[in-house]
Amino acid sequence: MAKKSLVSRSLWLIIVTGMFTGMGNGSVFGAAMMCLLGRGQFANWGGIGMASYLPTTFDGFMNWAMIVFGLAYIGILMVGLDRHDALENAAQ
C-alpha cells in the first residue's frame, strides 16, 4: 500500500489553520489600513447583512482582505508541506 502524501493526510488541518492564521493577518492589515487611512473614500462602512461582504464598503473590503489572506496562507502551507514531503521521501 502506497503511503499518502503529507498534504493529503493533513488537508483539513491545512485549511483550518491556514484560514485562521491568514485571516488573522488580514485583520491586522485591515486595522493598519484603518489607522493609516481612516474610512477614506468608503461612503458606507457596510457592517449590516450582506453589505459586510461588498468590497466597495469599508467592512466588506476588510472581510475580503481577510479571506484573500486566508486563501493565500492555505496555498503557502500546501507548497511548504509538499516540498517538505518531497525532501522527507527523498531521504528515505
PDB file of N, CA and C in Angstrom:
ATOM      1  N   MET A   1       0.844  -1.183   0.000  1.00  0.00           N
ATOM      2  CA  MET A   1       0.000   0.000   0.000  1.00  0.00           C
ATOM      3  C   MET A   1       0.888   1.244   0.000  1.00  0.00           C
ATOM      4  N   ALA A   2       0.604   2.147  -0.888  1.00  0.00           N
ATOM      5  CA  ALA A   2       1.408   3.366  -1.027  1.00  0.00           C
ATOM      6  C   ALA A   2       1.098   4.334   0.107  1.00  0.00           C
ATOM      7  N   LYS A   3       2.132   4.983   0.566  1.00  0.00           N
ATOM      8  CA  LYS A   3       1.990   5.972   1.631  1.00  0.00           C
ATOM      9  C   LYS A   3       1.395   7.253   1.049  1.00  0.00           C
ATOM     10  N   LYS A   4       0.365   7.800   1.705  1.00  0.00           N
ATOM     11  CA  LYS A   4      -0.258   9.039   1.232  1.00  0.00           C
ATOM     12  C   LYS A   4       0.679  10.210   1.490  1.00  0.00           C
ATOM     13  N   SER A   5       0.552  11.227   0.663  1.00  0.00           N
ATOM     14  CA  SER A   5       1.417  12.398   0.819  1.00  0.00           C
ATOM     15  C   SER A   5       1.047  13.163   2.088  1.00  0.00           C
ATOM     16  N   LEU A   6       1.980  13.965   2.527  1.00  0.00           N
ATOM     17  CA  LEU A   6       1.783  14.753   3.743  1.00  0.00           C
ATOM     18  C   LEU A   6       0.641  15.747   3.576  1.00  0.00           C
ATOM     19  N   VAL A   7       0.518  16.315   2.387  1.00  0.00           N
ATOM     20  CA  VAL A   7      -0.557  17.283   2.128  1.00  0.00           C
ATOM     21  C   VAL A   7      -1.919  16.596   2.177  1.00  0.00           C
ATOM     22  N   SER A   8      -2.032  15.418   1.575  1.00  0.00           N
ATOM     23  CA  SER A   8      -3.332  14.740   1.571  1.00  0.00           C
ATOM     24  C   SER A   8      -3.710  14.224   2.961  1.00  0.00           C
ATOM     25  N   ARG A   9      -2.709  13.873   3.777  1.00  0.00           N
ATOM     26  CA  ARG A   9      -3.014  13.407   5.130  1.00  0.00           C
ATOM     27  C   ARG A   9      -3.430  14.544   6.057  1.00  0.00           C
ATOM     28  N   SER A  10      -3.017  15.756   5.754  1.00  0.00           N
ATOM     29  CA  SER A  10      -3.312  16.877   6.656  1.00  0.00           C
ATOM     30  C   SER A  10      -4.104  17.982   5.973  1.00  0.00           C
ATOM     31  N   LEU A  11      -4.934  17.639   5.000  1.00  0.00           N
ATOM     32  CA  LEU A  11      -5.656  18.655   4.225  1.00  0.00           C
ATOM     33  C   LEU A  11      -6.558  19.521   5.101  1.00  0.00           C
ATOM     34  N   TRP A  12      -7.364  18.913   5.952  1.00  0.00           N
ATOM     35  CA  TRP A  12      -8.270  19.708   6.793  1.00  0.00           C
ATOM     36  C   TRP A  12      -7.507  20.558   7.801  1.00  0.00           C
ATOM     37  N   LEU A  13      -6.402  20.049   8.301  1.00  0.00           N
ATOM     38  CA  LEU A  13      -5.572  20.838   9.206  1.00  0.00           C
ATOM     39  C   LEU A  13      -4.986  22.044   8.477  1.00  0.00           C
ATOM     40  N   ILE A  14      -4.579  21.847   7.230  1.00  0.00           N
ATOM     41  CA  ILE A  14      -4.055  22.949   6.419  1.00  0.00           C
ATOM     42  C   ILE A  14      -5.137  24.004   6.192  1.00  0.00           C
ATOM     43  N   ILE A  15      -6.352  23.565   5.860  1.00  0.00           N
ATOM     44  CA  ILE A  15      -7.436  24.509   5.582  1.00  0.00           C
ATOM     45  C   ILE A  15      -7.797  25.306   6.832  1.00  0.00           C
ATOM     46  N   VAL A  16      -7.968  24.633   7.952  1.00  0.00           N
ATOM     47  CA  VAL A  16      -8.390  25.325   9.185  1.00  0.00           C
ATOM     48  C   VAL A  16      -7.299  26.254   9.693  1.00  0.00           C
ATOM     49  N   THR A  17      -6.079  25.752   9.839  1.00  0.00           N
ATOM     50  CA  THR A  17      -5.012  26.612  10.363  1.00  0.00           C
ATOM     51  C   THR A  17      -4.627  27.700   9.367  1.00  0.00           C
ATOM     52  N   GLY A  18      -4.712  27.389   8.066  1.00  0.00           N
ATOM     53  CA  GLY A  18      -4.411  28.413   7.063  1.00  0.00           C
ATOM     54  C   GLY A  18      -5.398  29.556   7.101  1.00  0.00           C
ATOM     55  N   MET A  19      -6.686  29.231   7.216  1.00  0.00           N
ATOM     56  CA  MET A  19      -7.691  30.299   7.277  1.00  0.00           C
ATOM     57  C   MET A  19      -7.584  31.082   8.582  1.00  0.00           C
ATOM     58  N   PHE A  20      -7.368  30.402   9.704  1.00  0.00           N
ATOM     59  CA  PHE A  20      -7.239  31.122  10.977  1.00  0.00           C
ATOM     60  C   PHE A  20      -6.045  32.067  10.950  1.00  0.00           C
ATOM     61  N   THR A  21      -4.900  31.556  10.537  1.00  0.00           N
ATOM     62  CA  THR A  21      -3.693  32.381  10.532  1.00  0.00           C
ATOM     63  C   THR A  21      -3.773  33.475   9.477  1.00  0.00           C
ATOM     64  N   GLY A  22      -4.205  33.107   8.281  1.00  0.00           N
ATOM     65  CA  GLY A  22      -4.289  34.089   7.198  1.00  0.00           C
ATOM     66  C   GLY A  22      -5.308  35.176   7.477  1.00  0.00           C
ATOM     67  N   MET A  23      -6.471  34.792   8.016  1.00  0.00           N
ATOM     68  CA  MET A  23      -7.487  35.800   8.323  1.00  0.00           C
ATOM     69  C   MET A  23      -7.039  36.690   9.477  1.00  0.00           C
ATOM     70  N   GLY A  24      -6.265  36.134  10.400  1.00  0.00           N
ATOM     71  CA  GLY A  24      -5.691  36.961  11.463  1.00  0.00           C
ATOM     72  C   GLY A  24      -4.739  37.994  10.891  1.00  0.00           C
ATOM     73  N   ASN A  25      -3.915  37.569   9.946  1.00  0.00           N
ATOM     74  CA  ASN A  25      -3.006  38.507   9.287  1.00  0.00           C
ATOM     75  C   ASN A  25      -3.778  39.539   8.464  1.00  0.00           C
ATOM     76  N   GLY A  26      -4.874  39.102   7.830  1.00  0.00           N
ATOM     77  CA  GLY A  26      -5.704  40.032   7.069  1.00  0.00           C
ATOM     78  C   GLY A  26      -6.377  41.058   7.952  1.00  0.00           C
ATOM     79  N   SER A  27      -6.758  40.655   9.158  1.00  0.00           N
ATOM     80  CA  SER A  27      -7.382  41.626  10.068  1.00  0.00           C
ATOM     81  C   SER A  27      -6.363  42.646  10.553  1.00  0.00           C
ATOM     82  N   VAL A  28      -5.122  42.229  10.735  1.00  0.00           N
ATOM     83  CA  VAL A  28      -4.068  43.172  11.108  1.00  0.00           C
ATOM     84  C   VAL A  28      -3.819  44.151   9.966  1.00  0.00           C
ATOM     85  N   PHE A  29      -3.846  43.635   8.724  1.00  0.00           N
ATOM     86  CA  PHE A  29      -3.718  44.505   7.556  1.00  0.00           C
ATOM     87  C   PHE A  29      -4.859  45.515   7.531  1.00  0.00           C
ATOM     88  N   GLY A  30      -6.093  45.050   7.762  1.00  0.00           N
ATOM     89  CA  GLY A  30      -7.249  45.952   7.774  1.00  0.00           C
ATOM     90  C   GLY A  30      -7.168  46.983   8.883  1.00  0.00           C
ATOM     91  N   ALA A  31      -6.709  46.568  10.064  1.00  0.00           N
ATOM     92  CA  ALA A  31      -6.570  47.513  11.179  1.00  0.00           C
ATOM     93  C   ALA A  31      -5.496  48.548  10.879  1.00  0.00           C
ATOM     94  N   ALA A  32      -4.391  48.113  10.275  1.00  0.00           N
ATOM     95  CA  ALA A  32      -3.334  49.061   9.912  1.00  0.00           C
ATOM     96  C   ALA A  32      -3.830  50.035   8.852  1.00  0.00           C
ATOM     97  N   MET A  33      -4.606  49.524   7.890  1.00  0.00           N
ATOM     98  CA  MET A  33      -5.163  50.397   6.866  1.00  0.00           C
ATOM     99  C   MET A  33      -6.132  51.397   7.492  1.00  0.00           C
ATOM    100  N   MET A  34      -6.944  50.908   8.451  1.00  0.00           N
ATOM    101  CA  MET A  34      -7.902  51.787   9.103  1.00  0.00           C
ATOM    102  C   MET A  34      -7.171  52.883   9.885  1.00  0.00           C
ATOM    103  N   CYS A  35      -6.084  52.524  10.559  1.00  0.00           N
ATOM    104  CA  CYS A  35      -5.325  53.520  11.312  1.00  0.00           C
ATOM    105  C   CYS A  35      -4.638  54.521  10.384  1.00  0.00           C
ATOM    106  N   LEU A  36      -4.162  54.030   9.249  1.00  0.00           N
ATOM    107  CA  LEU A  36      -3.436  54.892   8.325  1.00  0.00           C
ATOM    108  C   LEU A  36      -4.363  55.806   7.530  1.00  0.00           C
ATOM    109  N   LEU A  37      -5.450  55.234   6.985  1.00  0.00           N
ATOM    110  CA  LEU A  37      -6.298  55.982   6.066  1.00  0.00           C
ATOM    111  C   LEU A  37      -7.604  56.474   6.661  1.00  0.00           C
ATOM    112  N   GLY A  38      -8.035  55.867   7.745  1.00  0.00           N
ATOM    113  CA  GLY A  38      -9.380  56.155   8.230  1.00  0.00           C
ATOM    114  C   GLY A  38     -10.378  55.518   7.280  1.00  0.00           C
ATOM    115  N   ARG A  39     -11.573  56.022   7.255  1.00  0.00           N
ATOM    116  CA  ARG A  39     -12.570  55.457   6.340  1.00  0.00           C
ATOM    117  C   ARG A  39     -12.341  55.925   4.917  1.00  0.00           C
ATOM    118  N   GLY A  40     -11.601  56.965   4.757  1.00  0.00           N
ATOM    119  CA  GLY A  40     -11.198  57.439   3.433  1.00  0.00           C
ATOM    120  C   GLY A  40     -12.337  57.614   2.453  1.00  0.00           C
ATOM    121  N   GLN A  41     -12.245  56.965   1.320  1.00  0.00           N
ATOM    122  CA  GLN A  41     -13.206  57.109   0.236  1.00  0.00           C
ATOM    123  C   GLN A  41     -14.404  56.177   0.355  1.00  0.00           C
ATOM    124  N   PHE A  42     -14.483  55.398   1.425  1.00  0.00           N
ATOM    125  CA  PHE A  42     -15.610  54.495   1.609  1.00  0.00           C
ATOM    126  C   PHE A  42     -16.801  55.283   2.133  1.00  0.00           C
ATOM    127  N   ALA A  43     -17.849  55.412   1.314  1.00  0.00           N
ATOM    128  CA  ALA A  43     -19.022  56.188   1.709  1.00  0.00           C
ATOM    129  C   ALA A  43     -19.834  55.459   2.762  1.00  0.00           C
ATOM    130  N   ASN A  44     -19.791  54.139   2.762  1.00  0.00           N
ATOM    131  CA  ASN A  44     -20.600  53.335   3.666  1.00  0.00           C
ATOM    132  C   ASN A  44     -19.672  52.378   4.395  1.00  0.00           C
ATOM    133  N   TRP A  45     -19.875  52.201   5.680  1.00  0.00           N
ATOM    134  CA  TRP A  45     -18.997  51.277   6.402  1.00  0.00           C
ATOM    135  C   TRP A  45     -19.414  49.836   6.179  1.00  0.00           C
ATOM    136  N   GLY A  46     -20.656  49.541   5.841  1.00  0.00           N
ATOM    137  CA  GLY A  46     -21.099  48.244   5.382  1.00  0.00           C
ATOM    138  C   GLY A  46     -21.134  47.138   6.406  1.00  0.00           C
ATOM    139  N   GLY A  47     -21.497  47.406   7.620  1.00  0.00           N
ATOM    140  CA  GLY A  47     -21.463  46.380   8.652  1.00  0.00           C
ATOM    141  C   GLY A  47     -22.761  45.654   8.894  1.00  0.00           C
ATOM    142  N   ILE A  48     -23.749  45.804   8.021  1.00  0.00           N
ATOM    143  CA  ILE A  48     -25.050  45.188   8.261  1.00  0.00           C
ATOM    144  C   ILE A  48     -25.372  44.224   7.128  1.00  0.00           C
ATOM    145  N   GLY A  49     -25.680  42.965   7.459  1.00  0.00           N
ATOM    146  CA  GLY A  49     -26.114  41.978   6.478  1.00  0.00           C
ATOM    147  C   GLY A  49     -25.079  41.700   5.406  1.00  0.00           C
ATOM    148  N   MET A  50     -25.551  41.579   4.170  1.00  0.00           N
ATOM    149  CA  MET A  50     -24.660  41.255   3.057  1.00  0.00           C
ATOM    150  C   MET A  50     -23.748  42.419   2.666  1.00  0.00           C
ATOM    151  N   ALA A  51     -24.030  43.606   3.167  1.00  0.00           N
ATOM    152  CA  ALA A  51     -23.140  44.742   2.892  1.00  0.00           C
ATOM    153  C   ALA A  51     -21.760  44.520   3.511  1.00  0.00           C
ATOM    154  N   SER A  52     -21.679  43.588   4.462  1.00  0.00           N
ATOM    155  CA  SER A  52     -20.385  43.263   5.066  1.00  0.00           C
ATOM    156  C   SER A  52     -19.446  42.576   4.092  1.00  0.00           C
ATOM    157  N   TYR A  53     -19.958  42.100   2.971  1.00  0.00           N
ATOM    158  CA  TYR A  53     -19.131  41.396   2.004  1.00  0.00           C
ATOM    159  C   TYR A  53     -19.021  42.112   0.668  1.00  0.00           C
ATOM    160  N   LEU A  54     -19.518  43.337   0.589  1.00  0.00           N
ATOM    161  CA  LEU A  54     -19.341  44.145  -0.621  1.00  0.00           C
ATOM    162  C   LEU A  54     -17.972  44.827  -0.546  1.00  0.00           C
ATOM    163  N   PRO A  55     -17.086  44.585  -1.503  1.00  0.00           N
ATOM    164  CA  PRO A  55     -15.759  45.185  -1.424  1.00  0.00           C
ATOM    165  C   PRO A  55     -15.754  46.704  -1.542  1.00  0.00           C
ATOM    166  N   THR A  56     -16.882  47.287  -1.932  1.00  0.00           N
ATOM    167  CA  THR A  56     -16.939  48.750  -2.041  1.00  0.00           C
ATOM    168  C   THR A  56     -17.224  49.415  -0.708  1.00  0.00           C
ATOM    169  N   THR A  57     -17.566  48.633   0.321  1.00  0.00           N
ATOM    170  CA  THR A  57     -17.758  49.190   1.658  1.00  0.00           C
ATOM    171  C   THR A  57     -16.502  48.931   2.474  1.00  0.00           C
ATOM    172  N   PHE A  58     -16.314  49.687   3.535  1.00  0.00           N
ATOM    173  CA  PHE A  58     -15.107  49.560   4.351  1.00  0.00           C
ATOM    174  C   PHE A  58     -15.021  48.183   5.003  1.00  0.00           C
ATOM    175  N   ASP A  59     -16.094  47.747   5.644  1.00  0.00           N
ATOM    176  CA  ASP A  59     -16.106  46.442   6.300  1.00  0.00           C
ATOM    177  C   ASP A  59     -15.975  45.321   5.274  1.00  0.00           C
ATOM    178  N   GLY A  60     -16.609  45.477   4.122  1.00  0.00           N
ATOM    179  CA  GLY A  60     -16.506  44.480   3.064  1.00  0.00           C
ATOM    180  C   GLY A  60     -15.092  44.351   2.535  1.00  0.00           C
ATOM    181  N   PHE A  61     -14.402  45.470   2.396  1.00  0.00           N
ATOM    182  CA  PHE A  61     -13.013  45.423   1.947  1.00  0.00           C
ATOM    183  C   PHE A  61     -12.146  44.684   2.952  1.00  0.00           C
ATOM    184  N   MET A  62     -12.365  44.966   4.227  1.00  0.00           N
ATOM    185  CA  MET A  62     -11.579  44.278   5.262  1.00  0.00           C
ATOM    186  C   MET A  62     -11.906  42.787   5.292  1.00  0.00           C
ATOM    187  N   ASN A  63     -13.177  42.414   5.137  1.00  0.00           N
ATOM    188  CA  ASN A  63     -13.537  40.994   5.116  1.00  0.00           C
ATOM    189  C   ASN A  63     -12.915  40.280   3.926  1.00  0.00           C
ATOM    190  N   TRP A  64     -12.945  40.909   2.752  1.00  0.00           N
ATOM    191  CA  TRP A  64     -12.338  40.286   1.585  1.00  0.00           C
ATOM    192  C   TRP A  64     -10.831  40.201   1.724  1.00  0.00           C
ATOM    193  N   ALA A  65     -10.225  41.194   2.364  1.00  0.00           N
ATOM    194  CA  ALA A  65      -8.781  41.121   2.614  1.00  0.00           C
ATOM    195  C   ALA A  65      -8.468  39.922   3.506  1.00  0.00           C
ATOM    196  N   MET A  66      -9.291  39.686   4.526  1.00  0.00           N
ATOM    197  CA  MET A  66      -9.066  38.543   5.406  1.00  0.00           C
ATOM    198  C   MET A  66      -9.252  37.226   4.659  1.00  0.00           C
ATOM    199  N   ILE A  67     -10.261  37.140   3.796  1.00  0.00           N
ATOM    200  CA  ILE A  67     -10.495  35.912   3.031  1.00  0.00           C
ATOM    201  C   ILE A  67      -9.335  35.651   2.065  1.00  0.00           C
ATOM    202  N   VAL A  68      -8.877  36.690   1.377  1.00  0.00           N
ATOM    203  CA  VAL A  68      -7.765  36.532   0.432  1.00  0.00           C
ATOM    204  C   VAL A  68      -6.488  36.127   1.168  1.00  0.00           C
ATOM    205  N   PHE A  69      -6.210  36.752   2.316  1.00  0.00           N
ATOM    206  CA  PHE A  69      -5.033  36.386   3.094  1.00  0.00           C
ATOM    207  C   PHE A  69      -5.140  34.936   3.562  1.00  0.00           C
ATOM    208  N   GLY A  70      -6.331  34.500   3.966  1.00  0.00           N
ATOM    209  CA  GLY A  70      -6.536  33.117   4.393  1.00  0.00           C
ATOM    210  C   GLY A  70      -6.270  32.133   3.276  1.00  0.00           C
ATOM    211  N   LEU A  71      -6.819  32.407   2.089  1.00  0.00           N
ATOM    212  CA  LEU A  71      -6.597  31.518   0.953  1.00  0.00           C
ATOM    213  C   LEU A  71      -5.127  31.500   0.534  1.00  0.00           C
ATOM    214  N   ALA A  72      -4.485  32.650   0.596  1.00  0.00           N
ATOM    215  CA  ALA A  72      -3.056  32.707   0.255  1.00  0.00           C
ATOM    216  C   ALA A  72      -2.235  31.889   1.249  1.00  0.00           C
ATOM    217  N   TYR A  73      -2.586  31.957   2.520  1.00  0.00           N
ATOM    218  CA  TYR A  73      -1.841  31.201   3.518  1.00  0.00           C
ATOM    219  C   TYR A  73      -2.071  29.705   3.360  1.00  0.00           C
ATOM    220  N   ILE A  74      -3.268  29.286   2.933  1.00  0.00           N
ATOM    221  CA  ILE A  74      -3.510  27.872   2.632  1.00  0.00           C
ATOM    222  C   ILE A  74      -2.575  27.430   1.508  1.00  0.00           C
ATOM    223  N   GLY A  75      -2.446  28.248   0.476  1.00  0.00           N
ATOM    224  CA  GLY A  75      -1.528  27.932  -0.624  1.00  0.00           C
ATOM    225  C   GLY A  75      -0.085  27.832  -0.156  1.00  0.00           C
ATOM    226  N   ILE A  76       0.330  28.746   0.705  1.00  0.00           N
ATOM    227  CA  ILE A  76       1.695  28.723   1.241  1.00  0.00           C
ATOM    228  C   ILE A  76       1.930  27.445   2.036  1.00  0.00           C
ATOM    229  N   LEU A  77       0.971  27.055   2.870  1.00  0.00           N
ATOM    230  CA  LEU A  77       1.110  25.822   3.644  1.00  0.00           C
ATOM    231  C   LEU A  77       1.168  24.590   2.751  1.00  0.00           C
ATOM    232  N   MET A  78       0.338  24.565   1.712  1.00  0.00           N
ATOM    233  CA  MET A  78       0.336  23.406   0.818  1.00  0.00           C
ATOM    234  C   MET A  78       1.672  23.276   0.081  1.00  0.00           C
ATOM    235  N   VAL A  79       2.215  24.366  -0.406  1.00  0.00           N
ATOM    236  CA  VAL A  79       3.505  24.325  -1.100  1.00  0.00           C
ATOM    237  C   VAL A  79       4.612  23.912  -0.124  1.00  0.00           C
ATOM    238  N   GLY A  80       4.602  24.508   1.062  1.00  0.00           N
ATOM    239  CA  GLY A  80       5.629  24.189   2.049  1.00  0.00           C
ATOM    240  C   GLY A  80       5.593  22.731   2.483  1.00  0.00           C
ATOM    241  N   LEU A  81       4.391  22.213   2.759  1.00  0.00           N
ATOM    242  CA  LEU A  81       4.294  20.817   3.179  1.00  0.00           C
ATOM    243  C   LEU A  81       4.580  19.856   2.031  1.00  0.00           C
ATOM    244  N   ASP A  82       4.243  20.239   0.808  1.00  0.00           N
ATOM    245  CA  ASP A  82       4.560  19.396  -0.339  1.00  0.00           C
ATOM    246  C   ASP A  82       6.071  19.293  -0.530  1.00  0.00           C
ATOM    247  N   ARG A  83       6.761  20.404  -0.401  1.00  0.00           N
ATOM    248  CA  ARG A  83       8.224  20.388  -0.533  1.00  0.00           C
ATOM    249  C   ARG A  83       8.871  19.633   0.621  1.00  0.00           C
ATOM    250  N   HIS A  84       8.321  19.785   1.817  1.00  0.00           N
ATOM    251  CA  HIS A  84       8.829  19.050   2.970  1.00  0.00           C
ATOM    252  C   HIS A  84       8.647  17.553   2.753  1.00  0.00           C
ATOM    253  N   ASP A  85       7.497  17.167   2.224  1.00  0.00           N
ATOM    254  CA  ASP A  85       7.218  15.761   1.948  1.00  0.00           C
ATOM    255  C   ASP A  85       8.191  15.211   0.903  1.00  0.00           C
ATOM    256  N   ALA A  86       8.488  15.997  -0.124  1.00  0.00           N
ATOM    257  CA  ALA A  86       9.423  15.558  -1.157  1.00  0.00           C
ATOM    258  C   ALA A  86      10.824  15.350  -0.565  1.00  0.00           C
ATOM    259  N   LEU A  87      11.258  16.267   0.298  1.00  0.00           N
ATOM    260  CA  LEU A  87      12.560  16.108   0.938  1.00  0.00           C
ATOM    261  C   LEU A  87      12.598  14.902   1.871  1.00  0.00           C
ATOM    262  N   GLU A  88      11.506  14.699   2.588  1.00  0.00           N
ATOM    263  CA  GLU A  88      11.438  13.575   3.521  1.00  0.00           C
ATOM    264  C   GLU A  88      11.452  12.243   2.779  1.00  0.00           C
ATOM    265  N   ASN A  89      10.728  12.156   1.663  1.00  0.00           N
ATOM    266  CA  ASN A  89      10.699  10.923   0.878  1.00  0.00           C
ATOM    267  C   ASN A  89      12.004  10.683   0.141  1.00  0.00           C
ATOM    268  N   ALA A  90      12.701  11.748  -0.237  1.00  0.00           N
ATOM    269  CA  ALA A  90      13.992  11.590  -0.921  1.00  0.00           C
ATOM    270  C   ALA A  90      15.046  11.055   0.049  1.00  0.00           C
ATOM    271  N   ALA A  91      14.924  11.398   1.304  1.00  0.00           N
ATOM    272  CA  ALA A  91      15.894  10.939   2.303  1.00  0.00           C
ATOM    273  C   ALA A  91      15.702   9.458   2.613  1.00  0.00           C
ATOM    274  N   GLN A  92      14.536   8.919   2.354  1.00  0.00           N
ATOM    275  CA  GLN A  92      14.282   7.503   2.652  1.00  0.00           C
ATOM    276  C   GLN A  92      14.726   6.697   1.539  1.00  0.00           C
TER     277      GLN A  92
END
